[in-house]
C-alpha atoms as a PDB file:
ATOM      1  CA  MET A   1      38.854 -34.943  23.380  1.00  0.00           C
ATOM      2  CA  HIS A   2      38.367 -32.034  25.736  1.00  0.00           C
ATOM      3  CA  THR A   3      40.485 -28.914  25.311  1.00  0.00           C
ATOM      4  CA  LEU A   4      40.860 -25.669  27.242  1.00  0.00           C
ATOM      5  CA  LYS A   5      42.132 -23.781  24.195  1.00  0.00           C
ATOM      6  CA  ASN A   6      40.271 -20.590  23.271  1.00  0.00           C
ATOM      7  CA  LYS A   7      38.922 -20.186  26.811  1.00  0.00           C
ATOM      8  CA  ILE A   8      39.168 -16.618  28.133  1.00  0.00           C
ATOM      9  CA  CYS A   9      41.588 -15.964  30.981  1.00  0.00           C
ATOM     10  CA  PRO A  10      39.687 -13.794  33.508  1.00  0.00           C
ATOM     11  CA  TYR A  11      42.887 -12.103  34.627  1.00  0.00           C
ATOM     12  CA  CYS A  12      44.138 -10.689  31.300  1.00  0.00           C
ATOM     13  CA  GLN A  13      40.863 -11.107  29.347  1.00  0.00           C
ATOM     14  CA  SER A  14      42.631 -12.799  26.416  1.00  0.00           C
ATOM     15  CA  LYS A  15      42.266 -16.259  24.900  1.00  0.00           C
ATOM     16  CA  ILE A  16      44.256 -19.222  26.178  1.00  0.00           C
ATOM     17  CA  LYS A  17      46.037 -20.435  23.031  1.00  0.00           C
ATOM     18  CA  ASP A  18      47.652 -23.626  24.313  1.00  0.00           C
ATOM     19  CA  ASP A  19      46.554 -26.272  26.814  1.00  0.00           C
ATOM     20  CA  LEU A  20      50.113 -26.343  28.132  1.00  0.00           C
ATOM     21  CA  ASP A  21      49.849 -22.667  29.037  1.00  0.00           C
ATOM     22  CA  VAL A  22      46.840 -23.167  31.322  1.00  0.00           C
ATOM     23  CA  ILE A  23      46.154 -23.826  34.972  1.00  0.00           C
ATOM     24  CA  VAL A  24      42.685 -24.514  36.324  1.00  0.00           C
ATOM     25  CA  CYS A  25      41.633 -23.421  39.798  1.00  0.00           C
ATOM     26  CA  PRO A  26      41.225 -26.739  41.637  1.00  0.00           C
ATOM     27  CA  LEU A  27      38.325 -25.379  43.713  1.00  0.00           C
ATOM     28  CA  CYS A  28      36.088 -23.459  41.263  1.00  0.00           C
ATOM     29  CA  GLY A  29      37.390 -24.800  37.935  1.00  0.00           C
ATOM     30  CA  THR A  30      38.177 -21.413  36.348  1.00  0.00           C
ATOM     31  CA  PRO A  31      40.992 -21.687  33.726  1.00  0.00           C
ATOM     32  CA  HIS A  32      43.835 -19.086  33.714  1.00  0.00           C
ATOM     33  CA  HIS A  33      47.106 -18.533  32.004  1.00  0.00           C
ATOM     34  CA  LYS A  34      49.800 -19.984  34.265  1.00  0.00           C
ATOM     35  CA  GLU A  35      51.579 -16.669  34.351  1.00  0.00           C
ATOM     36  CA  CYS A  36      48.360 -14.833  35.230  1.00  0.00           C
ATOM     37  CA  TYR A  37      47.486 -17.315  37.982  1.00  0.00           C
ATOM     38  CA  GLU A  38      50.953 -17.001  39.489  1.00  0.00           C
ATOM     39  CA  GLU A  39      51.037 -13.228  39.089  1.00  0.00           C
ATOM     40  CA  ASN A  40      47.683 -12.888  40.831  1.00  0.00           C
ATOM     41  CA  GLY A  41      48.770 -15.285  43.542  1.00  0.00           C
ATOM     42  CA  GLY A  42      45.872 -17.611  42.903  1.00  0.00           C
ATOM     43  CA  CYS A  43      42.409 -17.684  41.365  1.00  0.00           C
ATOM     44  CA  THR A  44      40.753 -14.484  40.173  1.00  0.00           C
ATOM     45  CA  THR A  45      37.154 -15.664  40.765  1.00  0.00           C
ATOM     46  CA  TYR A  46      35.403 -13.592  43.404  1.00  0.00           C
ATOM     47  CA  GLY A  47      34.539 -15.650  46.497  1.00  0.00           C
ATOM     48  CA  CYS A  48      36.764 -18.586  45.524  1.00  0.00           C
ATOM     49  CA  LYS A  49      38.884 -19.723  48.458  1.00  0.00           C
ATOM     50  CA  ASN A  50      41.891 -19.756  46.149  1.00  0.00           C
ATOM     51  CA  ASN A  51      41.405 -16.033  45.454  1.00  0.00           C
ATOM     52  CA  PRO A  52      44.117 -14.069  47.378  1.00  0.00           C
ATOM     53  CA  GLY A  53      41.469 -11.564  48.402  1.00  0.00           C
ATOM     54  CA  THR A  54      39.325 -14.300  49.925  1.00  0.00           C
ATOM     55  CA  ILE A  55      42.278 -15.990  51.591  1.00  0.00           C
ATOM     56  CA  LYS A  56      43.356 -12.678  53.088  1.00  0.00           C
ATOM     57  CA  ASN A  57      39.947 -12.151  54.689  1.00  0.00           C
ATOM     58  CA  GLU A  58      39.634 -15.679  56.136  1.00  0.00           C
ATOM     59  CA  ARG A  59      41.347 -17.011  59.229  1.00  0.00           C
ATOM     60  CA  VAL A  60      42.758 -20.487  58.907  1.00  0.00           C
ATOM     61  CA  ASP A  61      42.324 -22.585  62.013  1.00  0.00           C
ATOM     62  CA  VAL A  62      45.431 -24.734  62.473  1.00  0.00           C
ATOM     63  CA  GLY A  63      44.622 -25.609  66.063  1.00  0.00           C
ATOM     64  CA  GLY A  64      47.609 -25.548  68.391  1.00  0.00           C
ATOM     65  CA  LEU A  65      50.168 -26.181  65.640  1.00  0.00           C
ATOM     66  CA  THR A  66      53.248 -24.066  65.387  1.00  0.00           C
ATOM     67  CA  VAL A  67      54.205 -22.385  62.120  1.00  0.00           C
ATOM     68  CA  ALA A  68      56.631 -25.222  61.403  1.00  0.00           C
ATOM     69  CA  GLY A  69      53.895 -27.751  62.158  1.00  0.00           C
ATOM     70  CA  ALA A  70      51.456 -26.014  59.859  1.00  0.00           C
ATOM     71  CA  ARG A  71      54.004 -26.014  57.033  1.00  0.00           C
ATOM     72  CA  GLU A  72      54.659 -29.698  57.625  1.00  0.00           C
ATOM     73  CA  LEU A  73      50.882 -30.288  57.403  1.00  0.00           C
ATOM     74  CA  VAL A  74      50.833 -28.644  53.959  1.00  0.00           C
ATOM     75  CA  VAL A  75      53.829 -30.699  52.826  1.00  0.00           C
ATOM     76  CA  GLN A  76      52.093 -33.889  53.975  1.00  0.00           C
ATOM     77  CA  GLN A  77      49.009 -33.086  51.868  1.00  0.00           C
ATOM     78  CA  LYS A  78      47.773 -36.119  49.920  1.00  0.00           C
ATOM     79  CA  PHE A  79      47.344 -36.280  46.155  1.00  0.00           C
ATOM     80  CA  ILE A  80      44.909 -38.115  43.870  1.00  0.00           C
ATOM     81  CA  GLN A  81      45.076 -39.016  40.188  1.00  0.00           C
ATOM     82  CA  CYS A  82      42.874 -37.176  37.678  1.00  0.00           C
ATOM     83  CA  PRO A  83      40.757 -39.788  35.833  1.00  0.00           C
ATOM     84  CA  ASN A  84      41.047 -37.759  32.625  1.00  0.00           C
ATOM     85  CA  CYS A  85      44.681 -36.698  32.261  1.00  0.00           C
ATOM     86  CA  GLU A  86      46.053 -39.117  34.930  1.00  0.00           C
ATOM     87  CA  ARG A  87      48.132 -36.392  36.551  1.00  0.00           C
ATOM     88  CA  GLU A  88      48.287 -35.940  40.318  1.00  0.00           C
ATOM     89  CA  VAL A  89      46.336 -33.154  41.967  1.00  0.00           C
ATOM     90  CA  GLU A  90      45.660 -32.216  45.613  1.00  0.00           C
ATOM     91  CA  GLU A  91      43.180 -34.518  47.337  1.00  0.00           C
ATOM     92  CA  ASN A  92      40.780 -31.700  48.248  1.00  0.00           C
ATOM     93  CA  SER A  93      40.590 -30.403  44.668  1.00  0.00           C
ATOM     94  CA  ASN A  94      37.207 -30.096  43.006  1.00  0.00           C
ATOM     95  CA  TYR A  95      38.826 -29.717  39.552  1.00  0.00           C
ATOM     96  CA  CYS A  96      41.995 -30.966  37.920  1.00  0.00           C
ATOM     97  CA  LYS A  97      44.254 -27.924  37.633  1.00  0.00           C
ATOM     98  CA  TYR A  98      45.814 -29.345  34.458  1.00  0.00           C
ATOM     99  CA  CYS A  99      42.815 -30.306  32.315  1.00  0.00           C
ATOM    100  CA  GLY A 100      39.813 -28.783  34.146  1.00  0.00           C
ATOM    101  CA  TYR A 101      38.067 -32.144  34.737  1.00  0.00           C
ATOM    102  CA  ASN A 102      35.342 -31.938  37.417  1.00  0.00           C
ATOM    103  CA  LEU A 103      36.565 -34.466  39.983  1.00  0.00           C
ATOM    104  CA  VAL A 104      33.395 -34.250  42.052  1.00  0.00           C
ATOM    105  CA  GLU A 105      30.874 -34.900  39.251  1.00  0.00           C
ATOM    106  CA  GLY A 106      33.194 -36.994  37.073  1.00  0.00           C
ATOM    107  CA  LYS A 107      32.799 -34.946  33.891  1.00  0.00           C
ATOM    108  CA  PHE A 108      33.734 -31.686  32.218  1.00  0.00           C
ATOM    109  CA  ASP A 109      31.337 -28.932  33.183  1.00  0.00           C
ATOM    110  CA  ASP A 110      30.782 -27.787  29.606  1.00  0.00           C
ATOM    111  CA  GLU A 111      29.977 -31.287  28.331  1.00  0.00           C
ATOM    112  CA  GLU A 112      26.546 -31.335  29.881  1.00  0.00           C
ATOM    113  CA  THR A 113      26.021 -27.728  28.903  1.00  0.00           C
ATOM    114  CA  PHE A 114      26.881 -28.541  25.311  1.00  0.00           C
ATOM    115  CA  ASP A 115      24.631 -31.613  25.283  1.00  0.00           C
ATOM    116  CA  GLU A 116      21.778 -29.720  26.849  1.00  0.00           C
ATOM    117  CA  GLU A 117      22.221 -26.819  24.454  1.00  0.00           C
ATOM    118  CA  PHE A 118      22.390 -29.199  21.516  1.00  0.00           C
ATOM    119  CA  LYS A 119      19.264 -31.011  22.680  1.00  0.00           C
ATOM    120  CA  ARG A 120      17.488 -27.715  23.294  1.00  0.00           C
ATOM    121  CA  LYS A 121      18.414 -26.288  19.903  1.00  0.00           C
ATOM    122  CA  TYR A 122      17.595 -29.574  18.196  1.00  0.00           C
ATOM    123  CA  GLY A 123      14.276 -29.659  20.008  1.00  0.00           C
ATOM    124  CA  GLU A 124      13.539 -26.060  19.070  1.00  0.00           C
ATOM    125  CA  LYS A 125      14.477 -26.730  15.463  1.00  0.00           C
ATOM    126  CA  LYS A 126      12.354 -29.882  15.427  1.00  0.00           C
ATOM    127  CA  ASN A 127       9.390 -28.051  16.943  1.00  0.00           C
ATOM    128  CA  LEU A 128       9.832 -25.172  14.506  1.00  0.00           C
ATOM    129  CA  ALA A 129       9.961 -27.570  11.556  1.00  0.00           C
ATOM    130  CA  ARG A 130       6.870 -29.403  12.836  1.00  0.00           C
ATOM    131  CA  ASN A 131       4.960 -26.193  13.493  1.00  0.00           C
ATOM    132  CA  THR A 132       5.981 -24.819  10.096  1.00  0.00           C
ATOM    133  CA  PHE A 133       4.833 -28.041   8.434  1.00  0.00           C
ATOM    134  CA  LEU A 134       1.526 -27.981  10.309  1.00  0.00           C
ATOM    135  CA  LEU A 135       1.028 -24.302   9.484  1.00  0.00           C
ATOM    136  CA  LYS A 136       1.790 -24.849   5.807  1.00  0.00           C
ATOM    137  CA  SER A 137      -0.429 -27.938   5.729  1.00  0.00           C
ATOM    138  CA  ALA A 138      -3.273 -26.015   7.342  1.00  0.00           C
ATOM    139  CA  GLY A 139      -2.720 -23.143   4.906  1.00  0.00           C
ATOM    140  CA  TRP A 140      -2.734 -25.402   1.855  1.00  0.00           C
ATOM    141  CA  THR A 141      -5.775 -27.286   3.170  1.00  0.00           C
ATOM    142  CA  PHE A 142      -7.646 -24.028   3.739  1.00  0.00           C
ATOM    143  CA  LEU A 143      -6.629 -22.744   0.306  1.00  0.00           C
ATOM    144  CA  PHE A 144      -7.706 -26.006  -1.325  1.00  0.00           C
ATOM    145  CA  LEU A 145     -11.095 -25.965   0.435  1.00  0.00           C
ATOM    146  CA  PHE A 146     -11.502 -22.269  -0.363  1.00  0.00           C
ATOM    147  CA  VAL A 147     -10.787 -22.851  -4.065  1.00  0.00           C
ATOM    148  CA  VAL A 148     -13.105 -25.880  -4.159  1.00  0.00           C
ATOM    149  CA  THR A 149     -15.885 -23.921  -2.434  1.00  0.00           C
ATOM    150  CA  ILE A 150     -15.473 -20.868  -4.668  1.00  0.00           C
ATOM    151  CA  SER A 151     -15.297 -23.077  -7.760  1.00  0.00           C
ATOM    152  CA  TYR A 152     -18.430 -24.946  -6.704  1.00  0.00           C
ATOM    153  CA  PHE A 153     -20.432 -21.763  -6.177  1.00  0.00           C
ATOM    154  CA  ALA A 154     -18.997 -20.175  -9.332  1.00  0.00           C
ATOM    155  CA  ILE A 155     -19.854 -23.218 -11.441  1.00  0.00           C
ATOM    156  CA  SER A 156     -23.303 -23.415  -9.834  1.00  0.00           C
ATOM    157  CA  LYS A 157     -23.918 -19.751 -10.504  1.00  0.00           C
ATOM    158  CA  ILE A 158     -22.700 -19.990 -14.111  1.00  0.00           C
ATOM    159  CA  SER A 159     -24.822 -23.095 -14.607  1.00  0.00           C
ATOM    160  CA  ASP A 160     -27.848 -21.328 -13.137  1.00  0.00           C
ATOM    161  CA  TYR A 161     -27.261 -18.329 -15.420  1.00  0.00           C
ATOM    162  CA  TYR A 162     -26.956 -20.399 -18.602  1.00  0.00           C
ATOM    163  CA  ASN A 163     -30.136 -22.227 -17.664  1.00  0.00           C
ATOM    164  CA  SER A 164     -31.965 -19.016 -16.800  1.00  0.00           C
ATOM    165  CA  VAL A 165     -34.716 -17.405 -18.879  1.00  0.00           C
ATOM    166  CA  ASP A 166     -32.730 -14.144 -19.114  1.00  0.00           C
ATOM    167  CA  TYR A 167     -29.793 -15.915 -20.772  1.00  0.00           C
ATOM    168  CA  GLN A 168     -32.038 -17.835 -23.161  1.00  0.00           C
ATOM    169  CA  ILE A 169     -33.876 -14.643 -24.197  1.00  0.00           C
ATOM    170  CA  LYS A 170     -30.661 -12.691 -24.758  1.00  0.00           C
ATOM    171  CA  GLU A 171     -29.097 -15.559 -26.695  1.00  0.00           C
ATOM    172  CA  THR A 172     -32.187 -15.769 -28.936  1.00  0.00           C
ATOM    173  CA  VAL A 173     -32.196 -12.038 -29.704  1.00  0.00           C
ATOM    174  CA  TYR A 174     -28.458 -11.950 -30.486  1.00  0.00           C
ATOM    175  CA  ASP A 175     -28.707 -15.045 -32.684  1.00  0.00           C
ATOM    176  CA  TRP A 176     -31.532 -13.234 -34.535  1.00  0.00           C
ATOM    177  CA  LYS A 177     -29.163 -10.228 -34.895  1.00  0.00           C
ATOM    178  CA  ASP A 178     -26.489 -12.536 -36.387  1.00  0.00           C
ATOM    179  CA  ALA A 179     -28.999 -13.746 -38.989  1.00  0.00           C
ATOM    180  CA  TRP A 180     -29.520 -10.102 -40.076  1.00  0.00           C
ATOM    181  CA  GLU A 181     -25.786  -9.442 -40.402  1.00  0.00           C
ATOM    182  CA  GLU A 182     -25.225 -12.749 -42.219  1.00  0.00           C
ATOM    183  CA  LYS A 183     -28.161 -11.885 -44.533  1.00  0.00           C
ATOM    184  CA  ASN A 184     -29.449 -15.423 -44.019  1.00  0.00           C
ATOM    185  CA  ILE A 185     -33.202 -15.309 -44.679  1.00  0.00           C
ATOM    186  CA  ASP A 186     -33.906 -18.897 -43.579  1.00  0.00           C
ATOM    187  CA  LYS A 187     -32.129 -18.384 -40.265  1.00  0.00           C
ATOM    188  CA  PHE A 188     -33.910 -15.031 -39.850  1.00  0.00           C
ATOM    189  CA  LYS A 189     -37.342 -16.643 -40.369  1.00  0.00           C
ATOM    190  CA  SER A 190     -36.552 -19.382 -37.801  1.00  0.00           C
ATOM    191  CA  PHE A 191     -36.806 -16.796 -34.994  1.00  0.00           C
ATOM    192  CA  MET A 192     -40.316 -15.621 -36.027  1.00  0.00           C
ATOM    193  CA  LEU A 193     -43.637 -17.077 -34.840  1.00  0.00           C
ATOM    194  CA  ALA A 194     -45.333 -17.064 -38.258  1.00  0.00           C
ATOM    195  CA  SER A 195     -48.901 -17.576 -37.059  1.00  0.00           C
ATOM    196  CA  ASP A 196     -48.988 -14.462 -34.813  1.00  0.00           C
ATOM    197  CA  TYR A 197     -46.162 -12.264 -36.110  1.00  0.00           C
ATOM    198  CA  GLU A 198     -46.736  -8.511 -36.605  1.00  0.00           C
ATOM    199  CA  TYR A 199     -44.249  -5.721 -37.391  1.00  0.00           C
ATOM    200  CA  TYR A 200     -44.815  -1.988 -36.672  1.00  0.00           C
ATOM    201  CA  GLY A 201     -42.412   0.538 -38.179  1.00  0.00           C
ATOM    202  CA  LYS A 202     -41.860   4.176 -37.185  1.00  0.00           C
ATOM    203  CA  ASP A 203     -44.743   5.128 -39.433  1.00  0.00           C
ATOM    204  CA  GLY A 204     -47.057   2.989 -37.305  1.00  0.00           C
ATOM    205  CA  LYS A 205     -48.086   0.740 -40.200  1.00  0.00           C
ATOM    206  CA  MET A 206     -48.446  -2.979 -39.484  1.00  0.00           C
ATOM    207  CA  LYS A 207     -46.976  -5.769 -41.610  1.00  0.00           C
ATOM    208  CA  ASN A 208     -47.702  -9.446 -41.150  1.00  0.00           C
ATOM    209  CA  TYR A 209     -45.266 -12.329 -41.319  1.00  0.00           C
ATOM    210  CA  SER A 210     -45.280 -12.712 -45.113  1.00  0.00           C
ATOM    211  CA  GLU A 211     -44.925  -8.980 -45.786  1.00  0.00           C
ATOM    212  CA  ARG A 212     -42.078  -8.674 -43.297  1.00  0.00           C
ATOM    213  CA  VAL A 213     -40.222 -11.660 -44.741  1.00  0.00           C
ATOM    214  CA  THR A 214     -40.571 -10.176 -48.251  1.00  0.00           C
ATOM    215  CA  ASP A 215     -39.154  -6.816 -47.076  1.00  0.00           C
ATOM    216  CA  ILE A 216     -36.219  -8.446 -45.269  1.00  0.00           C
ATOM    217  CA  LYS A 217     -35.418 -10.717 -48.218  1.00  0.00           C
ATOM    218  CA  GLY A 218     -35.331  -7.693 -50.534  1.00  0.00           C
ATOM    219  CA  THR A 219     -33.088  -5.819 -48.095  1.00  0.00           C
ATOM    220  CA  PHE A 220     -30.636  -8.733 -47.961  1.00  0.00           C
ATOM    221  CA  GLU A 221     -30.457  -8.808 -51.785  1.00  0.00           C
ATOM    222  CA  LYS A 222     -30.123  -5.032 -52.138  1.00  0.00           C
ATOM    223  CA  TYR A 223     -27.544  -4.222 -49.421  1.00  0.00           C
ATOM    224  CA  LYS A 224     -23.916  -5.309 -49.538  1.00  0.00           C
ATOM    225  CA  PHE A 225     -23.569  -5.361 -45.767  1.00  0.00           C
ATOM    226  CA  ILE A 226     -25.669  -4.864 -42.646  1.00  0.00           C
ATOM    227  CA  LYS A 227     -24.333  -4.049 -39.166  1.00  0.00           C
ATOM    228  CA  LEU A 228     -26.440  -3.916 -36.030  1.00  0.00           C
ATOM    229  CA  HIS A 229     -25.548  -2.717 -32.563  1.00  0.00           C
ATOM    230  CA  PHE A 230     -27.758  -3.307 -29.505  1.00  0.00           C
ATOM    231  CA  SER A 231     -27.444  -1.417 -26.211  1.00  0.00           C
ATOM    232  CA  ASP A 232     -29.464  -0.802 -23.041  1.00  0.00           C
ATOM    233  CA  PHE A 233     -30.886  -4.332 -23.239  1.00  0.00           C
ATOM    234  CA  LYS A 234     -33.821  -4.935 -20.851  1.00  0.00           C
ATOM    235  CA  ILE A 235     -36.171  -7.848 -20.217  1.00  0.00           C
ATOM    236  CA  TYR A 236     -39.671  -7.297 -18.797  1.00  0.00           C
ATOM    237  CA  LYS A 237     -41.729 -10.092 -17.280  1.00  0.00           C
ATOM    238  CA  ASP A 238     -44.974  -8.162 -17.655  1.00  0.00           C
ATOM    239  CA  SER A 239     -47.305 -11.047 -18.483  1.00  0.00           C
ATOM    240  CA  THR A 240     -49.163 -13.483 -16.261  1.00  0.00           C
ATOM    241  CA  SER A 241     -47.496 -16.202 -18.299  1.00  0.00           C
ATOM    242  CA  THR A 242     -43.817 -16.963 -17.720  1.00  0.00           C
ATOM    243  CA  ASN A 243     -43.631 -17.934 -21.382  1.00  0.00           C
ATOM    244  CA  ASP A 244     -44.543 -14.460 -22.685  1.00  0.00           C
ATOM    245  CA  LEU A 245     -41.933 -11.697 -22.221  1.00  0.00           C
ATOM    246  CA  LYS A 246     -41.060  -8.260 -23.544  1.00  0.00           C
ATOM    247  CA  VAL A 247     -37.563  -7.080 -24.558  1.00  0.00           C
ATOM    248  CA  THR A 248     -36.415  -3.532 -25.315  1.00  0.00           C
ATOM    249  CA  PHE A 249     -33.050  -2.211 -26.516  1.00  0.00           C
ATOM    250  CA  ARG A 250     -31.547   0.658 -28.459  1.00  0.00           C
ATOM    251  CA  GLN A 251     -30.817  -0.416 -32.018  1.00  0.00           C
ATOM    252  CA  SER A 252     -28.264   1.100 -34.377  1.00  0.00           C
ATOM    253  CA  TYR A 253     -28.717  -0.111 -37.980  1.00  0.00           C
ATOM    254  CA  VAL A 254     -25.983   0.607 -40.536  1.00  0.00           C
ATOM    255  CA  SER A 255     -25.691  -0.603 -44.147  1.00  0.00           C
ATOM    256  CA  ASP A 256     -24.061   0.617 -47.361  1.00  0.00           C
ATOM    257  CA  LYS A 257     -27.313   2.399 -48.374  1.00  0.00           C
ATOM    258  CA  TYR A 258     -29.292   3.050 -45.204  1.00  0.00           C
ATOM    259  CA  GLU A 259     -28.809   3.966 -41.514  1.00  0.00           C
ATOM    260  CA  GLU A 260     -31.322   4.057 -38.702  1.00  0.00           C
ATOM    261  CA  ILE A 261     -31.261   4.509 -34.909  1.00  0.00           C
ATOM    262  CA  GLY A 262     -34.193   3.838 -32.622  1.00  0.00           C
ATOM    263  CA  VAL A 263     -35.672   1.812 -29.801  1.00  0.00           C
ATOM    264  CA  LYS A 264     -36.734  -1.713 -30.699  1.00  0.00           C
ATOM    265  CA  THR A 265     -39.382  -3.623 -28.752  1.00  0.00           C
ATOM    266  CA  LEU A 266     -39.844  -7.370 -29.147  1.00  0.00           C
ATOM    267  CA  ARG A 267     -42.353  -9.739 -27.634  1.00  0.00           C
ATOM    268  CA  LEU A 268     -41.331 -13.371 -27.400  1.00  0.00           C
ATOM    269  CA  PHE A 269     -43.247 -16.534 -26.659  1.00  0.00           C
ATOM    270  CA  ARG A 270     -42.383 -20.195 -26.135  1.00  0.00           C
ATOM    271  CA  GLY A 271     -44.639 -23.229 -25.905  1.00  0.00           C
ATOM    272  CA  LYS A 272     -45.465 -26.550 -27.495  1.00  0.00           C
ATOM    273  CA  GLU A 273     -46.158 -24.892 -30.849  1.00  0.00           C
ATOM    274  CA  THR A 274     -42.646 -23.359 -30.855  1.00  0.00           C
ATOM    275  CA  GLY A 275     -40.875 -26.565 -29.800  1.00  0.00           C
ATOM    276  CA  ASP A 276     -40.265 -24.922 -26.402  1.00  0.00           C
ATOM    277  CA  LYS A 277     -38.037 -22.332 -28.110  1.00  0.00           C
ATOM    278  CA  TRP A 278     -38.423 -18.568 -27.810  1.00  0.00           C
ATOM    279  CA  LYS A 279     -39.949 -17.009 -30.938  1.00  0.00           C
ATOM    280  CA  ILE A 280     -40.624 -13.360 -31.856  1.00  0.00           C
ATOM    281  CA  TYR A 281     -44.294 -12.615 -32.453  1.00  0.00           C
ATOM    282  CA  ARG A 282     -44.267  -8.816 -32.169  1.00  0.00           C
ATOM    283  CA  GLU A 283     -41.636  -6.326 -33.448  1.00  0.00           C
ATOM    284  CA  ILE A 284     -41.998  -2.557 -32.971  1.00  0.00           C
ATOM    285  CA  MET A 285     -39.523   0.137 -34.083  1.00  0.00           C
ATOM    286  CA  ASP A 286     -39.798   3.573 -32.423  1.00  0.00           C
END
């Protein structure tokens, strides 16, 4: 149901509160308060032929009719029925002055405007929702691919590191350190290449495998605890063989009866005779 309530009267610039208090200009379709329309003497729309200002500036050609004849012509004016409110309006009206129905186009002017606006807003909302969905989908897809790619390279790099010689050497030396701190002589011996092992202390004297094992075993029995700290760890690939490497680090040795700080040098070898495991064959304390 169409209503003219809440339209703005152009004459007084206030809302029309009741459909019964309205009159629509039959030519341009502008709604007014009845009182305003009558007070103005017609429509307030500029250029409308029902505007008193427009009427005043136009000459009406009535041919050779007298004033009485012209008045009779107005009285004889024909009327038509509004298809919407079924009330009679002047035949030459473009709009029903009672309900504002557009007699020429057979609809209310604001109906199409409303439909078009609704369709436009719906279309905009639909496009926005689609674009937002596509943007989010693209974002999530990119993020997923980015995470997968980063994870792949990270896992590959970690895998490469754990399979690298550097990692294997460092792991061997630190496992050897754990054997010292655990005072586990069998585990300690498992890191030594018995056939070629030599130890050189700060005094420069050399001890072979058996002598070194005897010294370490006595130390384990004599000391209550042993703590080692390694720093400045370096690996040198200074041999023509990839299976013969040198390691240096700063060693801090602390026990309940003895402390020592110095630079430790180890040489390690791996091959068939070591079961392809890195073994220490030279140990030097400076």
